[in-house]
Amino acid sequence: MAHTFNLDTYITFLTANGNRYSGVEAAKALHETIDAPAHDTISRFLAAGTYTPSHLWKHVQTTVDKKSSLIVDDTVLDKRWSPKNELVGYHWSGNEHKAIRGISLVNLLATSGDDCIPVDYRVYEGSNGTKNKNDHFIDMLDTAKKRGFEPSYVMADSWYSSLANLQHLQALQWKFVMGLKENRLVNETKGTYLPIRDLDWTTKKVRKVWLRGFGFVLVAQIIFKNGDVRYVCTNDLTLTDYIALSEQSKKRWTIEEFHRGIKQTTGIERCYSIKKRSQLTHIFASFVAFVKLEFNRLKTGISWYEQKAQQVRLGISQAFA
C-alpha cells in the first residue's frame, strides 16, 4: 500500500531538500521508508490541495506579536522557463528591472525586533484575477484588524501609498511609515502645492506638510549609500527626529530579507507542475516551511541558511559513513 503523502511530509521534504523539489525527487528521497510514495501520489497531493492564505494563520497565531509592525510588499516567483503554467503571467521584477514571466505574490510580514513572520499573502493574477495589488493590500490589513492586530506601524514602499490606501490606514486608526513618489503634491504654505522633490532638502530634516487629499504628515528625504533618493511620510506627527524616522523606514527592508530567504530555503519557485492548484499548494507549503525555519531560528539562533546547510552536511556525512 502506498504511503499517504500529506502536508507535514511535504513540508519536511521542502525544509530538508537542497535544490531539487520535484515529486520525482521526493519519491526518490523517501524510497527506503515504509510504504514509500510513488511520484504520482505526490502529484495528486499537490493537485488536490485546497489550502488558502487563511490557513497560514493557524501556524503563526500563537507566536506572533500582534503589536508588531506590519510590512506589505510584493515579489515575483521566477517562472520564465514555464510558459504553459496556469498561474504564470508577466509581472514587473524589481531585481530584473523589467517584466518577467512569473507568479506575483503580495505578502504581509509581522516584525517586532528580530522576528520575521509572514502572517498573510495573496496571489496577484493580473488580468486573469478580480483584484489588483492595492485591493490585496486592503484585504490583508482588514483581515489583520479582525485578527486583533494593533501594529506599531504599517510600512510599505511608494507603490502602496495611494491616497485611498493612506485614507484606509487612517480609518483603521493605524500609524504608517510609507514611501512616497517624488511627484506627490504637498504644501507648507496653504494653497501652494509642489512635488515633494522640490521642497528644500539642503539639510537633513523632517518637515511637516499637507499631503494633497489627505492632511498633515511628516516627510523626509532619505539618500542611500548608492545615491538612490527616497521619500517617506508618516501620520505619526510625533516622529519628528530625522534619524528616528529614517531608522523606522529602514525596517521595511526586513521583508526583502524574507523574500530572499523563502526563495533560497524552501524552493517556492521550484514547483514543476503547470497546474494552478498544484502551484497554490506548493506556495502554501513553502510559507509553512519558512515559518518552521524562522521559529527554529528564533529558538536556537541558527540562521535559515545554516539550518539548510546542516541538512546537506548530514547527507554528506552519511555518504562517508
C-alpha atoms as a PDB file:
ATOM      1  CA  MET A   1       0.000   0.000   0.000  1.00  0.00           C
ATOM      2  CA  ALA A   2       1.383   3.399  -0.986  1.00  0.00           C
ATOM      3  CA  HIS A   3       2.406   5.923   1.642  1.00  0.00           C
ATOM      4  CA  THR A   4      -0.218   8.585   2.411  1.00  0.00           C
ATOM      5  CA  PHE A   5       1.628  11.715   1.409  1.00  0.00           C
ATOM      6  CA  ASN A   6       0.448  14.719   3.429  1.00  0.00           C
ATOM      7  CA  LEU A   7       1.299  18.344   4.143  1.00  0.00           C
ATOM      8  CA  ASP A   8       3.685  17.588   7.010  1.00  0.00           C
ATOM      9  CA  THR A   9       5.628  15.157   4.841  1.00  0.00           C
ATOM     10  CA  TYR A  10       5.866  17.669   2.021  1.00  0.00           C
ATOM     11  CA  ILE A  11       6.984  20.476   4.339  1.00  0.00           C
ATOM     12  CA  THR A  12       9.695  18.244   5.782  1.00  0.00           C
ATOM     13  CA  PHE A  13      10.825  17.470   2.237  1.00  0.00           C
ATOM     14  CA  LEU A  14      10.988  21.180   1.338  1.00  0.00           C
ATOM     15  CA  THR A  15      12.895  22.031   4.513  1.00  0.00           C
ATOM     16  CA  ALA A  16      15.446  19.230   4.146  1.00  0.00           C
ATOM     17  CA  ASN A  17      15.942  19.477   0.389  1.00  0.00           C
ATOM     18  CA  GLY A  18      18.937  21.191  -1.143  1.00  0.00           C
ATOM     19  CA  ASN A  19      17.978  22.041  -4.699  1.00  0.00           C
ATOM     20  CA  ARG A  20      15.546  19.523  -6.202  1.00  0.00           C
ATOM     21  CA  TYR A  21      11.902  19.981  -5.312  1.00  0.00           C
ATOM     22  CA  SER A  22      10.005  17.771  -7.765  1.00  0.00           C
ATOM     23  CA  GLY A  23       7.618  14.958  -6.897  1.00  0.00           C
ATOM     24  CA  VAL A  24      10.043  12.530  -8.504  1.00  0.00           C
ATOM     25  CA  GLU A  25      12.808  13.741  -6.184  1.00  0.00           C
ATOM     26  CA  ALA A  26      10.532  13.454  -3.152  1.00  0.00           C
ATOM     27  CA  ALA A  27       9.687   9.863  -4.122  1.00  0.00           C
ATOM     28  CA  LYS A  28      13.382   9.049  -4.531  1.00  0.00           C
ATOM     29  CA  ALA A  29      14.225  10.635  -1.179  1.00  0.00           C
ATOM     30  CA  LEU A  30      11.567   8.540   0.560  1.00  0.00           C
ATOM     31  CA  HIS A  31      12.116   5.305  -1.343  1.00  0.00           C
ATOM     32  CA  GLU A  32      13.584   3.485   1.675  1.00  0.00           C
ATOM     33  CA  THR A  33      10.811   4.485   4.074  1.00  0.00           C
ATOM     34  CA  ILE A  34       7.896   2.227   4.957  1.00  0.00           C
ATOM     35  CA  ASP A  35       5.204   2.378   2.266  1.00  0.00           C
ATOM     36  CA  ALA A  36       7.281   4.801   0.195  1.00  0.00           C
ATOM     37  CA  PRO A  37       5.105   7.020  -2.024  1.00  0.00           C
ATOM     38  CA  ALA A  38       5.155   6.928  -5.800  1.00  0.00           C
ATOM     39  CA  HIS A  39       5.817  10.246  -7.521  1.00  0.00           C
ATOM     40  CA  ASP A  40       2.278  10.347  -8.914  1.00  0.00           C
ATOM     41  CA  THR A  41       0.968  10.125  -5.330  1.00  0.00           C
ATOM     42  CA  ILE A  42       2.808  13.375  -4.622  1.00  0.00           C
ATOM     43  CA  SER A  43       1.456  14.959  -7.804  1.00  0.00           C
ATOM     44  CA  ARG A  44      -2.080  14.055  -6.735  1.00  0.00           C
ATOM     45  CA  PHE A  45      -1.461  15.522  -3.275  1.00  0.00           C
ATOM     46  CA  LEU A  46      -0.435  18.852  -4.801  1.00  0.00           C
ATOM     47  CA  ALA A  47      -3.333  18.924  -7.261  1.00  0.00           C
ATOM     48  CA  ALA A  48      -5.908  18.030  -4.604  1.00  0.00           C
ATOM     49  CA  GLY A  49      -4.805  20.665  -2.097  1.00  0.00           C
ATOM     50  CA  THR A  50      -7.395  23.221  -1.005  1.00  0.00           C
ATOM     51  CA  TYR A  51      -5.113  25.398   1.096  1.00  0.00           C
ATOM     52  CA  THR A  52      -5.637  29.161   1.049  1.00  0.00           C
ATOM     53  CA  PRO A  53      -3.666  32.013   2.620  1.00  0.00           C
ATOM     54  CA  SER A  54      -6.071  31.962   5.578  1.00  0.00           C
ATOM     55  CA  HIS A  55      -4.691  28.539   6.561  1.00  0.00           C
ATOM     56  CA  LEU A  56      -1.281  30.112   7.231  1.00  0.00           C
ATOM     57  CA  TRP A  57      -2.684  31.939  10.240  1.00  0.00           C
ATOM     58  CA  LYS A  58      -3.101  28.824  12.392  1.00  0.00           C
ATOM     59  CA  HIS A  59       0.624  28.134  12.018  1.00  0.00           C
ATOM     60  CA  VAL A  60       1.657  31.563  13.363  1.00  0.00           C
ATOM     61  CA  GLN A  61      -1.166  32.907  15.531  1.00  0.00           C
ATOM     62  CA  THR A  62       0.130  31.580  18.861  1.00  0.00           C
ATOM     63  CA  THR A  63       3.617  33.039  18.337  1.00  0.00           C
ATOM     64  CA  VAL A  64       3.258  36.348  16.510  1.00  0.00           C
ATOM     65  CA  ASP A  65       3.160  39.597  18.468  1.00  0.00           C
ATOM     66  CA  LYS A  66       0.018  41.441  17.418  1.00  0.00           C
ATOM     67  CA  LYS A  67       1.669  44.746  18.229  1.00  0.00           C
ATOM     68  CA  SER A  68       4.379  44.046  15.651  1.00  0.00           C
ATOM     69  CA  SER A  69       4.936  46.383  12.745  1.00  0.00           C
ATOM     70  CA  LEU A  70       3.244  45.104   9.594  1.00  0.00           C
ATOM     71  CA  ILE A  71       5.079  45.324   6.278  1.00  0.00           C
ATOM     72  CA  VAL A  72       3.495  44.859   2.858  1.00  0.00           C
ATOM     73  CA  ASP A  73       5.406  44.209  -0.348  1.00  0.00           C
ATOM     74  CA  ASP A  74       5.203  42.041  -3.430  1.00  0.00           C
ATOM     75  CA  THR A  75       7.654  39.718  -5.110  1.00  0.00           C
ATOM     76  CA  VAL A  76       7.737  37.633  -8.285  1.00  0.00           C
ATOM     77  CA  LEU A  77       8.467  33.911  -8.360  1.00  0.00           C
ATOM     78  CA  ASP A  78      10.613  33.446 -11.456  1.00  0.00           C
ATOM     79  CA  LYS A  79       8.860  31.116 -13.908  1.00  0.00           C
ATOM     80  CA  ARG A  80      10.347  32.348 -17.160  1.00  0.00           C
ATOM     81  CA  TRP A  81      11.036  28.773 -18.292  1.00  0.00           C
ATOM     82  CA  SER A  82       7.470  27.604 -17.581  1.00  0.00           C
ATOM     83  CA  PRO A  83       5.399  29.131 -20.421  1.00  0.00           C
ATOM     84  CA  LYS A  84       2.403  26.783 -20.013  1.00  0.00           C
ATOM     85  CA  ASN A  85       1.995  27.258 -16.274  1.00  0.00           C
ATOM     86  CA  GLU A  86      -1.629  28.124 -15.488  1.00  0.00           C
ATOM     87  CA  LEU A  87      -0.724  30.680 -12.800  1.00  0.00           C
ATOM     88  CA  VAL A  88       2.075  32.451 -14.643  1.00  0.00           C
ATOM     89  CA  GLY A  89       1.841  35.904 -16.205  1.00  0.00           C
ATOM     90  CA  TYR A  90       4.103  38.847 -16.911  1.00  0.00           C
ATOM     91  CA  HIS A  91       4.916  40.845 -13.787  1.00  0.00           C
ATOM     92  CA  TRP A  92       7.390  43.602 -13.045  1.00  0.00           C
ATOM     93  CA  SER A  93      10.510  42.360 -11.266  1.00  0.00           C
ATOM     94  CA  GLY A  94      12.421  44.884  -9.171  1.00  0.00           C
ATOM     95  CA  ASN A  95      15.511  42.688  -9.298  1.00  0.00           C
ATOM     96  CA  GLU A  96      15.430  42.341 -13.074  1.00  0.00           C
ATOM     97  CA  HIS A  97      14.126  45.891 -13.694  1.00  0.00           C
ATOM     98  CA  LYS A  98      11.750  44.517 -16.311  1.00  0.00           C
ATOM     99  CA  ALA A  99       8.635  42.387 -16.638  1.00  0.00           C
ATOM    100  CA  ILE A 100       9.298  38.656 -16.435  1.00  0.00           C
ATOM    101  CA  ARG A 101       7.146  35.544 -16.567  1.00  0.00           C
ATOM    102  CA  GLY A 102       6.320  34.537 -13.049  1.00  0.00           C
ATOM    103  CA  ILE A 103       3.839  34.287 -10.191  1.00  0.00           C
ATOM    104  CA  SER A 104       3.245  37.515  -8.278  1.00  0.00           C
ATOM    105  CA  LEU A 105       2.769  37.377  -4.513  1.00  0.00           C
ATOM    106  CA  VAL A 106       1.683  40.240  -2.251  1.00  0.00           C
ATOM    107  CA  ASN A 107       2.899  39.453   1.257  1.00  0.00           C
ATOM    108  CA  LEU A 108       2.175  40.695   4.773  1.00  0.00           C
ATOM    109  CA  LEU A 109       5.015  40.332   7.270  1.00  0.00           C
ATOM    110  CA  ALA A 110       4.953  40.924  11.023  1.00  0.00           C
ATOM    111  CA  THR A 111       8.171  42.025  12.664  1.00  0.00           C
ATOM    112  CA  SER A 112       8.959  43.112  16.199  1.00  0.00           C
ATOM    113  CA  GLY A 113      12.625  43.290  16.977  1.00  0.00           C
ATOM    114  CA  ASP A 114      14.390  40.336  15.366  1.00  0.00           C
ATOM    115  CA  ASP A 115      11.444  38.239  14.211  1.00  0.00           C
ATOM    116  CA  CYS A 116      10.359  37.884  10.594  1.00  0.00           C
ATOM    117  CA  ILE A 117       6.970  36.165  10.447  1.00  0.00           C
ATOM    118  CA  PRO A 118       4.743  36.029   7.350  1.00  0.00           C
ATOM    119  CA  VAL A 119       1.130  36.237   8.518  1.00  0.00           C
ATOM    120  CA  ASP A 120      -0.729  36.544   5.222  1.00  0.00           C
ATOM    121  CA  TYR A 121      -0.233  36.575   1.467  1.00  0.00           C
ATOM    122  CA  ARG A 122      -2.171  36.870  -1.754  1.00  0.00           C
ATOM    123  CA  VAL A 123      -1.548  35.643  -5.291  1.00  0.00           C
ATOM    124  CA  TYR A 124      -1.934  38.519  -7.729  1.00  0.00           C
ATOM    125  CA  GLU A 125      -3.134  37.145 -11.061  1.00  0.00           C
ATOM    126  CA  GLY A 126      -3.028  40.319 -13.144  1.00  0.00           C
ATOM    127  CA  SER A 127      -5.703  40.498 -15.832  1.00  0.00           C
ATOM    128  CA  ASN A 128      -6.778  36.936 -15.014  1.00  0.00           C
ATOM    129  CA  GLY A 129      -7.783  37.888 -11.480  1.00  0.00           C
ATOM    130  CA  THR A 130     -10.512  40.062  -9.993  1.00  0.00           C
ATOM    131  CA  LYS A 131      -8.334  42.142  -7.657  1.00  0.00           C
ATOM    132  CA  ASN A 132      -5.302  44.378  -8.085  1.00  0.00           C
ATOM    133  CA  LYS A 133      -2.391  44.682  -5.673  1.00  0.00           C
ATOM    134  CA  ASN A 134      -3.980  47.566  -3.779  1.00  0.00           C
ATOM    135  CA  ASP A 135      -7.143  45.502  -3.261  1.00  0.00           C
ATOM    136  CA  HIS A 136      -4.979  42.747  -1.778  1.00  0.00           C
ATOM    137  CA  PHE A 137      -3.204  45.342   0.397  1.00  0.00           C
ATOM    138  CA  ILE A 138      -6.502  46.488   1.905  1.00  0.00           C
ATOM    139  CA  ASP A 139      -7.895  42.956   2.231  1.00  0.00           C
ATOM    140  CA  MET A 140      -4.871  41.732   4.185  1.00  0.00           C
ATOM    141  CA  LEU A 141      -4.873  44.714   6.539  1.00  0.00           C
ATOM    142  CA  ASP A 142      -8.604  44.389   7.156  1.00  0.00           C
ATOM    143  CA  THR A 143      -8.049  40.713   7.964  1.00  0.00           C
ATOM    144  CA  ALA A 144      -5.199  41.660  10.313  1.00  0.00           C
ATOM    145  CA  LYS A 145      -7.542  44.075  12.087  1.00  0.00           C
ATOM    146  CA  LYS A 146     -10.124  41.319  12.577  1.00  0.00           C
ATOM    147  CA  ARG A 147      -7.401  39.069  13.975  1.00  0.00           C
ATOM    148  CA  GLY A 148      -6.639  41.621  16.670  1.00  0.00           C
ATOM    149  CA  PHE A 149      -3.520  43.290  15.303  1.00  0.00           C
ATOM    150  CA  GLU A 150      -2.732  46.777  16.574  1.00  0.00           C
ATOM    151  CA  PRO A 151       0.595  47.362  14.810  1.00  0.00           C
ATOM    152  CA  SER A 152       3.098  49.941  15.922  1.00  0.00           C
ATOM    153  CA  TYR A 153       3.406  50.940  12.240  1.00  0.00           C
ATOM    154  CA  VAL A 154       2.288  49.738   8.830  1.00  0.00           C
ATOM    155  CA  MET A 155       5.086  50.031   6.278  1.00  0.00           C
ATOM    156  CA  ALA A 156       5.251  49.746   2.504  1.00  0.00           C
ATOM    157  CA  ASP A 157       7.002  51.338  -0.442  1.00  0.00           C
ATOM    158  CA  SER A 158       5.566  54.056  -2.673  1.00  0.00           C
ATOM    159  CA  TRP A 159       3.619  51.543  -4.792  1.00  0.00           C
ATOM    160  CA  TYR A 160       1.155  51.128  -1.918  1.00  0.00           C
ATOM    161  CA  SER A 161       0.928  54.750  -0.741  1.00  0.00           C
ATOM    162  CA  SER A 162      -2.022  55.757  -2.892  1.00  0.00           C
ATOM    163  CA  LEU A 163      -4.392  58.271  -1.375  1.00  0.00           C
ATOM    164  CA  ALA A 164      -7.054  55.566  -0.948  1.00  0.00           C
ATOM    165  CA  ASN A 165      -4.639  53.286   0.907  1.00  0.00           C
ATOM    166  CA  LEU A 166      -3.446  56.046   3.234  1.00  0.00           C
ATOM    167  CA  GLN A 167      -7.020  57.043   3.981  1.00  0.00           C
ATOM    168  CA  HIS A 168      -7.870  53.415   4.718  1.00  0.00           C
ATOM    169  CA  LEU A 169      -4.989  53.159   7.186  1.00  0.00           C
ATOM    170  CA  GLN A 170      -6.184  56.375   8.814  1.00  0.00           C
ATOM    171  CA  ALA A 171      -9.685  54.903   9.089  1.00  0.00           C
ATOM    172  CA  LEU A 172      -8.211  51.846  10.812  1.00  0.00           C
ATOM    173  CA  GLN A 173      -6.556  54.307  13.237  1.00  0.00           C
ATOM    174  CA  TRP A 174      -3.157  52.850  12.461  1.00  0.00           C
ATOM    175  CA  LYS A 175       0.107  54.722  12.139  1.00  0.00           C
ATOM    176  CA  PHE A 176       2.111  54.262   8.977  1.00  0.00           C
ATOM    177  CA  VAL A 177       5.560  54.912   7.544  1.00  0.00           C
ATOM    178  CA  MET A 178       5.225  54.761   3.765  1.00  0.00           C
ATOM    179  CA  GLY A 179       7.282  55.607   0.739  1.00  0.00           C
ATOM    180  CA  LEU A 180       6.119  58.475  -1.448  1.00  0.00           C
ATOM    181  CA  LYS A 181       6.788  59.014  -5.124  1.00  0.00           C
ATOM    182  CA  GLU A 182       8.772  62.155  -5.857  1.00  0.00           C
ATOM    183  CA  ASN A 183       5.876  63.793  -7.712  1.00  0.00           C
ATOM    184  CA  ARG A 184       3.348  63.605  -4.851  1.00  0.00           C
ATOM    185  CA  LEU A 185       1.978  67.065  -4.197  1.00  0.00           C
ATOM    186  CA  VAL A 186       2.468  68.668  -0.789  1.00  0.00           C
ATOM    187  CA  ASN A 187       2.453  72.174   0.607  1.00  0.00           C
ATOM    188  CA  GLU A 188       3.978  74.012   3.501  1.00  0.00           C
ATOM    189  CA  THR A 189       2.033  77.142   2.634  1.00  0.00           C
ATOM    190  CA  LYS A 190      -1.740  76.846   2.293  1.00  0.00           C
ATOM    191  CA  GLY A 191      -2.875  76.751  -1.317  1.00  0.00           C
ATOM    192  CA  THR A 192       0.590  76.315  -2.839  1.00  0.00           C
ATOM    193  CA  TYR A 193       1.309  72.743  -3.903  1.00  0.00           C
ATOM    194  CA  LEU A 194       4.562  71.431  -5.293  1.00  0.00           C
ATOM    195  CA  PRO A 195       6.111  67.985  -5.830  1.00  0.00           C
ATOM    196  CA  ILE A 196       7.783  66.643  -2.711  1.00  0.00           C
ATOM    197  CA  ARG A 197      11.122  66.532  -4.561  1.00  0.00           C
ATOM    198  CA  ASP A 198      11.014  70.345  -4.901  1.00  0.00           C
ATOM    199  CA  LEU A 199      10.988  71.047  -1.190  1.00  0.00           C
ATOM    200  CA  ASP A 200      14.185  72.469   0.278  1.00  0.00           C
ATOM    201  CA  TRP A 201      16.223  69.371   1.124  1.00  0.00           C
ATOM    202  CA  THR A 202      19.586  71.076   1.624  1.00  0.00           C
ATOM    203  CA  THR A 203      19.581  69.835   5.228  1.00  0.00           C
ATOM    204  CA  LYS A 204      18.500  66.507   6.644  1.00  0.00           C
ATOM    205  CA  LYS A 205      15.284  67.241   8.438  1.00  0.00           C
ATOM    206  CA  VAL A 206      11.720  66.112   8.928  1.00  0.00           C
ATOM    207  CA  ARG A 207       9.167  68.517   7.505  1.00  0.00           C
ATOM    208  CA  LYS A 208       5.509  68.858   8.402  1.00  0.00           C
ATOM    209  CA  VAL A 209       3.467  69.292   5.225  1.00  0.00           C
ATOM    210  CA  TRP A 210      -0.072  68.977   3.966  1.00  0.00           C
ATOM    211  CA  LEU A 211      -0.333  65.969   1.654  1.00  0.00           C
ATOM    212  CA  ARG A 212      -2.851  66.745  -1.041  1.00  0.00           C
ATOM    213  CA  GLY A 213      -6.157  64.998  -0.417  1.00  0.00           C
ATOM    214  CA  PHE A 214      -5.024  63.553   2.918  1.00  0.00           C
ATOM    215  CA  GLY A 215      -3.920  66.055   5.533  1.00  0.00           C
ATOM    216  CA  PHE A 216      -0.861  66.748   7.653  1.00  0.00           C
ATOM    217  CA  VAL A 217       2.023  64.274   7.522  1.00  0.00           C
ATOM    218  CA  LEU A 218       5.718  64.317   8.322  1.00  0.00           C
ATOM    219  CA  VAL A 219       8.038  63.769   5.363  1.00  0.00           C
ATOM    220  CA  ALA A 220      11.759  63.221   4.919  1.00  0.00           C
ATOM    221  CA  GLN A 221      14.202  62.643   2.098  1.00  0.00           C
ATOM    222  CA  ILE A 222      16.499  59.640   2.562  1.00  0.00           C
ATOM    223  CA  ILE A 223      19.645  59.264   0.467  1.00  0.00           C
ATOM    224  CA  PHE A 224      21.133  55.778   0.335  1.00  0.00           C
ATOM    225  CA  LYS A 225      24.823  54.940   0.022  1.00  0.00           C
ATOM    226  CA  ASN A 226      24.383  54.085  -3.663  1.00  0.00           C
ATOM    227  CA  GLY A 227      22.923  57.536  -4.334  1.00  0.00           C
ATOM    228  CA  ASP A 228      19.277  56.473  -4.544  1.00  0.00           C
ATOM    229  CA  VAL A 229      16.864  59.060  -3.201  1.00  0.00           C
ATOM    230  CA  ARG A 230      13.648  58.016  -1.464  1.00  0.00           C
ATOM    231  CA  TYR A 231      10.887  59.990   0.192  1.00  0.00           C
ATOM    232  CA  VAL A 232       8.961  58.729   3.206  1.00  0.00           C
ATOM    233  CA  CYS A 233       5.944  60.004   5.060  1.00  0.00           C
ATOM    234  CA  THR A 234       4.220  59.193   8.326  1.00  0.00           C
ATOM    235  CA  ASN A 235       0.979  60.190  10.005  1.00  0.00           C
ATOM    236  CA  ASP A 236       2.724  59.870  13.375  1.00  0.00           C
ATOM    237  CA  LEU A 237       3.249  63.592  13.979  1.00  0.00           C
ATOM    238  CA  THR A 238       5.467  62.872  16.995  1.00  0.00           C
ATOM    239  CA  LEU A 239       8.135  61.203  14.820  1.00  0.00           C
ATOM    240  CA  THR A 240       9.960  64.495  14.244  1.00  0.00           C
ATOM    241  CA  ASP A 241      13.538  63.292  14.653  1.00  0.00           C
ATOM    242  CA  TYR A 242      15.189  62.610  11.282  1.00  0.00           C
ATOM    243  CA  ILE A 243      17.283  59.678  12.494  1.00  0.00           C
ATOM    244  CA  ALA A 244      14.297  58.064  14.224  1.00  0.00           C
ATOM    245  CA  LEU A 245      12.117  58.349  11.117  1.00  0.00           C
ATOM    246  CA  SER A 246      14.933  57.143   8.876  1.00  0.00           C
ATOM    247  CA  GLU A 247      15.623  54.113  11.087  1.00  0.00           C
ATOM    248  CA  GLN A 248      11.930  53.274  11.269  1.00  0.00           C
ATOM    249  CA  SER A 249      11.685  53.441   7.473  1.00  0.00           C
ATOM    250  CA  LYS A 250      14.665  51.101   7.064  1.00  0.00           C
ATOM    251  CA  LYS A 251      12.798  48.378   8.948  1.00  0.00           C
ATOM    252  CA  ARG A 252      10.736  47.904   5.801  1.00  0.00           C
ATOM    253  CA  TRP A 253      13.732  46.101   4.293  1.00  0.00           C
ATOM    254  CA  THR A 254      13.014  43.161   6.597  1.00  0.00           C
ATOM    255  CA  ILE A 255      10.514  41.970   4.018  1.00  0.00           C
ATOM    256  CA  GLU A 256      13.220  41.969   1.340  1.00  0.00           C
ATOM    257  CA  GLU A 257      15.243  39.637   3.571  1.00  0.00           C
ATOM    258  CA  PHE A 258      12.143  37.460   3.879  1.00  0.00           C
ATOM    259  CA  HIS A 259      11.675  37.316   0.106  1.00  0.00           C
ATOM    260  CA  ARG A 260      15.280  36.274  -0.383  1.00  0.00           C
ATOM    261  CA  GLY A 261      15.061  33.746   2.439  1.00  0.00           C
ATOM    262  CA  ILE A 262      11.878  31.982   1.369  1.00  0.00           C
ATOM    263  CA  LYS A 263      13.144  31.671  -2.206  1.00  0.00           C
ATOM    264  CA  GLN A 264      16.526  30.262  -1.197  1.00  0.00           C
ATOM    265  CA  THR A 265      15.411  27.893   1.569  1.00  0.00           C
ATOM    266  CA  THR A 266      12.029  26.427   0.599  1.00  0.00           C
ATOM    267  CA  GLY A 267      12.105  26.035  -3.176  1.00  0.00           C
ATOM    268  CA  ILE A 268       8.995  28.197  -3.512  1.00  0.00           C
ATOM    269  CA  GLU A 269       9.944  28.969  -7.133  1.00  0.00           C
ATOM    270  CA  ARG A 270      10.775  25.367  -7.961  1.00  0.00           C
ATOM    271  CA  CYS A 271       7.443  23.545  -8.279  1.00  0.00           C
ATOM    272  CA  TYR A 272       7.431  21.978 -11.734  1.00  0.00           C
ATOM    273  CA  SER A 273       3.708  21.376 -12.091  1.00  0.00           C
ATOM    274  CA  ILE A 274       1.867  23.561 -14.616  1.00  0.00           C
ATOM    275  CA  LYS A 275      -1.451  23.203 -12.775  1.00  0.00           C
ATOM    276  CA  LYS A 276      -2.716  26.228 -10.852  1.00  0.00           C
ATOM    277  CA  ARG A 277      -3.973  24.203  -7.886  1.00  0.00           C
ATOM    278  CA  SER A 278      -0.647  22.370  -7.556  1.00  0.00           C
ATOM    279  CA  GLN A 279       1.263  25.658  -7.577  1.00  0.00           C
ATOM    280  CA  LEU A 280      -1.013  27.102  -4.885  1.00  0.00           C
ATOM    281  CA  THR A 281      -0.480  24.061  -2.660  1.00  0.00           C
ATOM    282  CA  HIS A 282       3.285  24.293  -3.133  1.00  0.00           C
ATOM    283  CA  ILE A 283       3.310  28.025  -2.354  1.00  0.00           C
ATOM    284  CA  PHE A 284       1.328  27.484   0.843  1.00  0.00           C
ATOM    285  CA  ALA A 285       3.605  24.620   1.933  1.00  0.00           C
ATOM    286  CA  SER A 286       6.641  26.822   1.252  1.00  0.00           C
ATOM    287  CA  PHE A 287       5.280  29.529   3.553  1.00  0.00           C
ATOM    288  CA  VAL A 288       4.743  26.997   6.339  1.00  0.00           C
ATOM    289  CA  ALA A 289       8.216  25.541   5.761  1.00  0.00           C
ATOM    290  CA  PHE A 290       9.705  29.023   6.102  1.00  0.00           C
ATOM    291  CA  VAL A 291       7.733  29.645   9.295  1.00  0.00           C
ATOM    292  CA  LYS A 292       9.229  26.483  10.784  1.00  0.00           C
ATOM    293  CA  LEU A 293      12.727  27.658   9.849  1.00  0.00           C
ATOM    294  CA  GLU A 294      12.034  31.087  11.340  1.00  0.00           C
ATOM    295  CA  PHE A 295      10.650  29.704  14.602  1.00  0.00           C
ATOM    296  CA  ASN A 296      13.710  27.484  14.938  1.00  0.00           C
ATOM    297  CA  ARG A 297      15.969  30.466  14.215  1.00  0.00           C
ATOM    298  CA  LEU A 298      14.295  32.450  16.990  1.00  0.00           C
ATOM    299  CA  LYS A 299      14.709  29.493  19.368  1.00  0.00           C
ATOM    300  CA  THR A 300      18.277  28.464  18.535  1.00  0.00           C
ATOM    301  CA  GLY A 301      19.854  31.498  16.851  1.00  0.00           C
ATOM    302  CA  ILE A 302      20.720  29.364  13.808  1.00  0.00           C
ATOM    303  CA  SER A 303      20.016  31.191  10.544  1.00  0.00           C
ATOM    304  CA  TRP A 304      17.662  29.841   7.878  1.00  0.00           C
ATOM    305  CA  TYR A 305      20.609  29.198   5.578  1.00  0.00           C
ATOM    306  CA  GLU A 306      22.695  27.406   8.199  1.00  0.00           C
ATOM    307  CA  GLN A 307      19.742  25.170   9.036  1.00  0.00           C
ATOM    308  CA  LYS A 308      19.613  24.136   5.374  1.00  0.00           C
ATOM    309  CA  ALA A 309      23.379  23.649   5.279  1.00  0.00           C
ATOM    310  CA  GLN A 310      23.196  21.347   8.287  1.00  0.00           C
ATOM    311  CA  GLN A 311      20.773  19.090   6.403  1.00  0.00           C
ATOM    312  CA  VAL A 312      23.188  18.899   3.456  1.00  0.00           C
ATOM    313  CA  ARG A 313      26.139  18.135   5.745  1.00  0.00           C
ATOM    314  CA  LEU A 314      24.145  15.334   7.360  1.00  0.00           C
ATOM    315  CA  GLY A 315      23.597  13.760   3.956  1.00  0.00           C
ATOM    316  CA  ILE A 316      27.282  14.072   3.067  1.00  0.00           C
ATOM    317  CA  SER A 317      28.318  12.555   6.406  1.00  0.00           C
ATOM    318  CA  GLN A 318      26.061   9.560   5.820  1.00  0.00           C
ATOM    319  CA  ALA A 319      27.620   9.072   2.395  1.00  0.00           C
ATOM    320  CA  PHE A 320      31.036   8.661   4.067  1.00  0.00           C
ATOM    321  CA  ALA A 321      29.763   6.527   6.930  1.00  0.00           C
END
